Protein backbone atom coordinates (compact mmCIF):
# COMPACT_ATOMS: atom_id res chain seq x y z
CA ILE A 1 -111.07 -14.93 17.14
CA GLY A 2 -111.98 -11.73 15.36
CA LEU A 3 -115.17 -11.25 17.36
CA CYS A 4 -113.65 -11.70 20.81
CA GLY A 5 -110.63 -9.61 19.85
CA CYS A 6 -112.86 -6.89 18.41
CA ALA A 7 -114.67 -6.67 21.75
CA LEU A 8 -111.33 -6.09 23.48
CA LEU A 9 -110.38 -3.32 21.05
CA ARG A 10 -113.80 -1.68 21.44
CA ASP A 11 -113.47 -1.72 25.24
CA ILE A 12 -110.05 -0.09 25.03
CA ALA A 13 -111.35 2.60 22.69
CA GLN A 14 -114.24 3.35 25.03
CA ARG A 15 -111.95 3.58 28.06
CA ASN A 16 -109.46 5.79 26.24
CA GLY A 17 -112.07 7.87 24.51
CA GLY A 18 -110.06 7.66 21.31
CA THR A 19 -108.10 5.38 19.00
CA THR A 20 -107.01 1.90 20.07
CA ARG A 21 -103.32 1.51 19.24
CA VAL A 22 -102.39 -2.09 18.44
CA MET A 23 -98.88 -3.47 18.00
CA THR A 24 -98.43 -6.66 15.99
CA HIS A 25 -95.56 -8.76 14.67
CA CYS A 26 -94.97 -10.82 11.53
CA ASN A 27 -98.06 -11.58 9.43
CA ALA A 28 -101.21 -13.23 10.76
CA GLY A 29 -103.76 -11.91 8.31
CA ALA A 30 -105.61 -13.40 5.37
CA LEU A 31 -102.37 -13.96 3.44
CA ALA A 32 -101.16 -16.29 6.17
CA THR A 33 -104.37 -18.04 7.18
CA CYS A 34 -107.11 -17.12 4.65
CA GLY A 35 -110.39 -15.51 5.71
CA TRP A 36 -110.00 -12.75 8.29
CA GLY A 37 -106.67 -14.03 9.57
CA THR A 38 -105.88 -14.54 13.25
CA ALA A 39 -104.04 -11.63 14.92
CA LEU A 40 -105.35 -9.19 12.30
CA ALA A 41 -108.96 -10.41 12.46
CA PRO A 42 -109.79 -8.27 15.55
CA VAL A 43 -108.29 -5.23 13.80
CA PHE A 44 -110.19 -5.79 10.56
CA MET A 45 -113.47 -6.35 12.38
CA ALA A 46 -112.99 -3.38 14.68
CA HIS A 47 -112.21 -1.12 11.73
CA ALA A 48 -115.25 -2.41 9.83
CA ALA A 49 -117.41 -1.76 12.91
CA GLY A 50 -116.27 1.84 13.14
CA VAL A 51 -113.93 1.38 16.11
CA PRO A 52 -110.99 3.76 15.63
CA VAL A 53 -107.79 1.70 15.44
CA HIS A 54 -104.18 2.32 14.52
CA VAL A 55 -101.70 -0.53 14.03
CA TRP A 56 -97.99 -0.43 14.79
CA VAL A 57 -96.47 -2.88 12.29
CA SER A 58 -93.02 -4.28 13.01
CA GLU A 59 -90.87 -4.92 9.94
CA THR A 60 -90.14 -8.48 11.14
CA ARG A 61 -86.55 -9.00 10.13
CA PRO A 62 -85.09 -10.76 8.32
CA ARG A 63 -87.91 -11.83 5.99
CA LEU A 64 -89.87 -8.58 6.46
CA GLN A 65 -93.30 -10.22 6.64
CA GLY A 66 -94.63 -7.21 8.53
CA ALA A 67 -93.37 -4.70 6.00
CA ASN A 68 -94.29 -6.71 2.90
CA LEU A 69 -97.46 -8.50 3.98
CA THR A 70 -99.12 -7.02 7.08
CA ALA A 71 -98.68 -3.40 5.98
CA TRP A 72 -100.05 -4.29 2.55
CA GLU A 73 -103.13 -6.01 4.01
CA LEU A 74 -103.86 -3.08 6.30
CA ALA A 75 -103.48 -0.61 3.44
CA ALA A 76 -105.78 -2.68 1.25
CA ARG A 77 -108.51 -2.47 3.91
CA GLY A 78 -107.91 1.17 4.70
CA VAL A 79 -106.70 0.57 8.27
CA PRO A 80 -104.39 3.32 9.60
CA HIS A 81 -100.95 1.90 10.36
CA THR A 82 -97.30 2.80 10.83
CA LEU A 83 -94.28 0.63 10.10
CA PHE A 84 -91.40 0.50 12.59
CA VAL A 85 -88.10 -1.35 12.94
CA ASP A 86 -88.27 -4.35 15.28
CA GLY A 87 -85.85 -2.81 17.75
CA ALA A 88 -88.16 0.18 18.36
CA SER A 89 -90.92 -1.88 19.98
CA GLY A 90 -89.63 -1.35 23.51
CA LEU A 91 -89.43 2.41 23.05
CA LEU A 92 -92.96 2.65 21.66
CA LEU A 93 -94.31 0.62 24.56
CA ARG A 94 -92.34 2.60 27.13
CA ARG A 95 -93.58 5.92 25.73
CA GLY A 96 -97.19 4.79 26.16
CA GLU A 97 -97.94 4.74 22.43
CA VAL A 98 -99.34 1.19 22.46
CA ASP A 99 -102.57 0.04 24.12
CA VAL A 100 -102.37 -3.67 23.34
CA VAL A 101 -100.09 -6.17 21.60
CA ILE A 102 -101.69 -8.90 19.48
CA VAL A 103 -99.57 -11.50 17.71
CA GLY A 104 -100.22 -14.80 16.01
CA ALA A 105 -98.80 -18.17 17.00
CA ASP A 106 -97.16 -21.00 15.10
CA ARG A 107 -97.46 -23.43 18.01
CA VAL A 108 -98.72 -23.29 21.60
CA ALA A 109 -97.69 -25.80 24.25
CA ALA A 110 -100.11 -27.36 26.73
CA ASN A 111 -99.08 -24.91 29.44
CA GLY A 112 -99.76 -21.84 27.29
CA ASP A 113 -96.20 -21.07 26.16
CA VAL A 114 -96.42 -19.40 22.74
CA CYS A 115 -94.03 -20.08 19.87
CA ASN A 116 -94.13 -17.37 17.23
CA LYS A 117 -91.89 -15.47 14.82
CA ILE A 118 -88.55 -14.38 16.25
CA GLY A 119 -88.94 -11.03 18.00
CA THR A 120 -92.23 -11.89 19.70
CA TYR A 121 -90.61 -12.62 23.07
CA ASP A 122 -88.95 -9.19 23.08
CA LYS A 123 -92.31 -7.50 22.65
CA ALA A 124 -93.89 -9.59 25.38
CA LEU A 125 -91.13 -8.63 27.81
CA ALA A 126 -91.46 -4.93 27.01
CA ALA A 127 -95.25 -5.14 27.20
CA ARG A 128 -95.11 -6.69 30.67
CA ASP A 129 -92.60 -4.11 31.89
CA ASN A 130 -94.93 -1.32 30.76
CA ASP A 131 -98.25 -2.86 31.85
CA VAL A 132 -99.52 -3.31 28.28
CA PRO A 133 -101.69 -6.41 27.68
CA PHE A 134 -100.16 -9.01 25.38
CA TYR A 135 -102.45 -11.45 23.52
CA ALA A 136 -101.77 -14.28 21.08
CA ALA A 137 -104.43 -15.17 18.52
CA VAL A 138 -104.61 -18.95 18.53
CA PRO A 139 -106.92 -21.22 16.51
CA SER A 140 -107.32 -24.48 18.44
CA PRO A 141 -105.38 -26.60 15.87
CA THR A 142 -102.32 -24.54 16.86
CA LEU A 143 -102.46 -26.03 20.37
CA ASP A 144 -100.11 -28.96 20.88
CA PHE A 145 -101.14 -30.82 24.03
CA ALA A 146 -98.38 -33.35 23.37
CA LEU A 147 -95.84 -30.74 24.45
CA ALA A 148 -95.94 -29.91 28.15
CA ALA A 149 -94.02 -26.65 27.77
CA GLY A 150 -92.51 -24.40 25.13
CA GLY A 151 -88.96 -25.51 25.82
CA ALA A 152 -89.74 -28.72 23.92
CA ILE A 153 -90.66 -26.85 20.73
CA PRO A 154 -87.89 -27.19 18.13
CA ILE A 155 -86.67 -23.84 16.78
CA GLU A 156 -85.94 -23.74 13.06
CA MET A 157 -82.54 -22.30 12.15
CA ARG A 158 -82.73 -20.75 8.72
CA ASP A 159 -80.11 -19.80 6.13
CA ALA A 160 -77.74 -17.11 7.37
CA GLY A 161 -78.02 -15.49 3.95
CA GLU A 162 -81.44 -14.14 4.93
CA VAL A 163 -79.70 -12.00 7.54
CA LEU A 164 -76.68 -11.05 5.44
CA ARG A 165 -78.71 -9.97 2.40
CA ILE A 166 -81.97 -8.12 2.06
CA ALA A 167 -84.46 -8.07 -0.81
CA GLY A 168 -86.30 -4.94 -1.87
CA ARG A 169 -87.88 -3.19 -4.84
CA ASP A 170 -86.18 -0.48 -6.83
CA ASP A 171 -87.91 2.61 -8.24
CA TYR A 172 -89.12 0.52 -11.17
CA GLY A 173 -90.71 -2.17 -9.01
CA GLN A 174 -88.04 -4.75 -9.73
CA VAL A 175 -86.93 -6.97 -6.85
CA THR A 176 -83.23 -6.88 -6.08
CA GLN A 177 -80.95 -8.08 -3.27
CA VAL A 178 -78.19 -6.19 -1.51
CA SER A 179 -75.70 -7.22 1.17
CA THR A 180 -76.09 -5.82 4.68
CA ALA A 181 -72.72 -6.92 6.10
CA HIS A 182 -69.12 -7.30 5.01
CA HIS A 183 -68.09 -10.22 2.84
CA GLY A 184 -67.43 -13.30 4.95
CA ALA A 185 -69.54 -12.15 7.91
CA ARG A 186 -71.23 -14.89 9.94
CA ALA A 187 -74.84 -14.72 11.10
CA VAL A 188 -77.34 -16.76 13.07
CA ASN A 189 -80.95 -16.90 11.94
CA PRO A 190 -83.44 -18.53 14.35
CA ALA A 191 -86.91 -18.30 12.82
CA PHE A 192 -88.96 -18.43 16.05
CA ASP A 193 -88.84 -17.79 19.76
CA VAL A 194 -90.98 -18.90 22.70
CA THR A 195 -92.90 -16.49 24.94
CA PRO A 196 -93.55 -17.98 28.40
CA ALA A 197 -97.20 -18.22 29.41
CA ARG A 198 -96.57 -15.91 32.38
CA LEU A 199 -96.09 -13.02 29.91
CA VAL A 200 -99.30 -13.76 27.99
CA THR A 201 -102.39 -11.86 29.13
CA GLY A 202 -104.66 -14.24 27.26
CA LEU A 203 -105.16 -16.37 24.16
CA LEU A 204 -107.74 -15.21 21.62
CA THR A 205 -109.43 -18.39 20.39
CA GLU A 206 -112.58 -19.41 18.55
CA VAL A 207 -114.26 -20.07 21.92
CA GLY A 208 -113.26 -16.73 23.43
CA VAL A 209 -110.38 -15.40 25.51
CA VAL A 210 -108.65 -18.23 27.36
CA ASP A 211 -105.99 -17.92 30.05
CA ALA A 212 -102.55 -19.12 28.99
CA SER A 213 -102.44 -22.01 31.45
CA ALA A 214 -102.64 -25.79 31.29
CA ALA A 215 -105.87 -25.92 33.30
CA ALA A 216 -107.66 -23.26 31.27
CA LEU A 217 -106.63 -24.72 27.91
CA ALA A 218 -107.63 -28.25 28.92
CA ALA A 219 -111.02 -26.98 30.09
CA ALA A 220 -111.63 -24.95 26.94
CA PHE A 221 -110.53 -27.68 24.53
CA PRO A 222 -111.11 -31.04 26.26
CA HIS A 223 -111.42 -32.83 22.91
CA ARG A 224 -107.83 -31.87 22.07
CA VAL A 225 -106.25 -33.14 25.28
CA ARG A 226 -104.37 -36.41 24.87
CA ARG A 227 -105.59 -39.12 27.23
């Protein structure tokens, strides 16, 4: 995944004659998957190979995996990055400040629909509207050929308290929680969303870049298809 994604980032850098600007969401680095990670593997490999990259890191409300995990991993490897609030993704894409979006995936249906952390679908929509390629980094075990389409993927609904309170560190490094809404407020907290295959430029896999379609996935991973 890292190698084929690195080639994409190198090609973009060569075409632009400068830095490849990558937008990502949630955490799909070593902390999530061990090794090089999935969505971050192309970034890490490109940076190690001397390809100039900059990563736009979404906070990923409400659990802040982007702010707490992805930003930390990038800093630890010396990769230039900038944190932004989730709602700013459309603006950044519209202003032409993003060359490519690469996200991870928690589950991918047989037709190429991608289930990932809530907020992924929004980025895919904005990327399509602004002609920015959108890729999902997908190890083959993430593919679920038992599900014909993403609509069959159950969406976890998490505790509303994650939305109504936020955890952070004070000036002394101690973790504390504060409320973000009035007492008695109600909140909904879906953990994932589904990005339709039509919005996905391609899937970065261990066998290369694969089209997000039933035919392409079945051809690339015939041993995974249920008979």
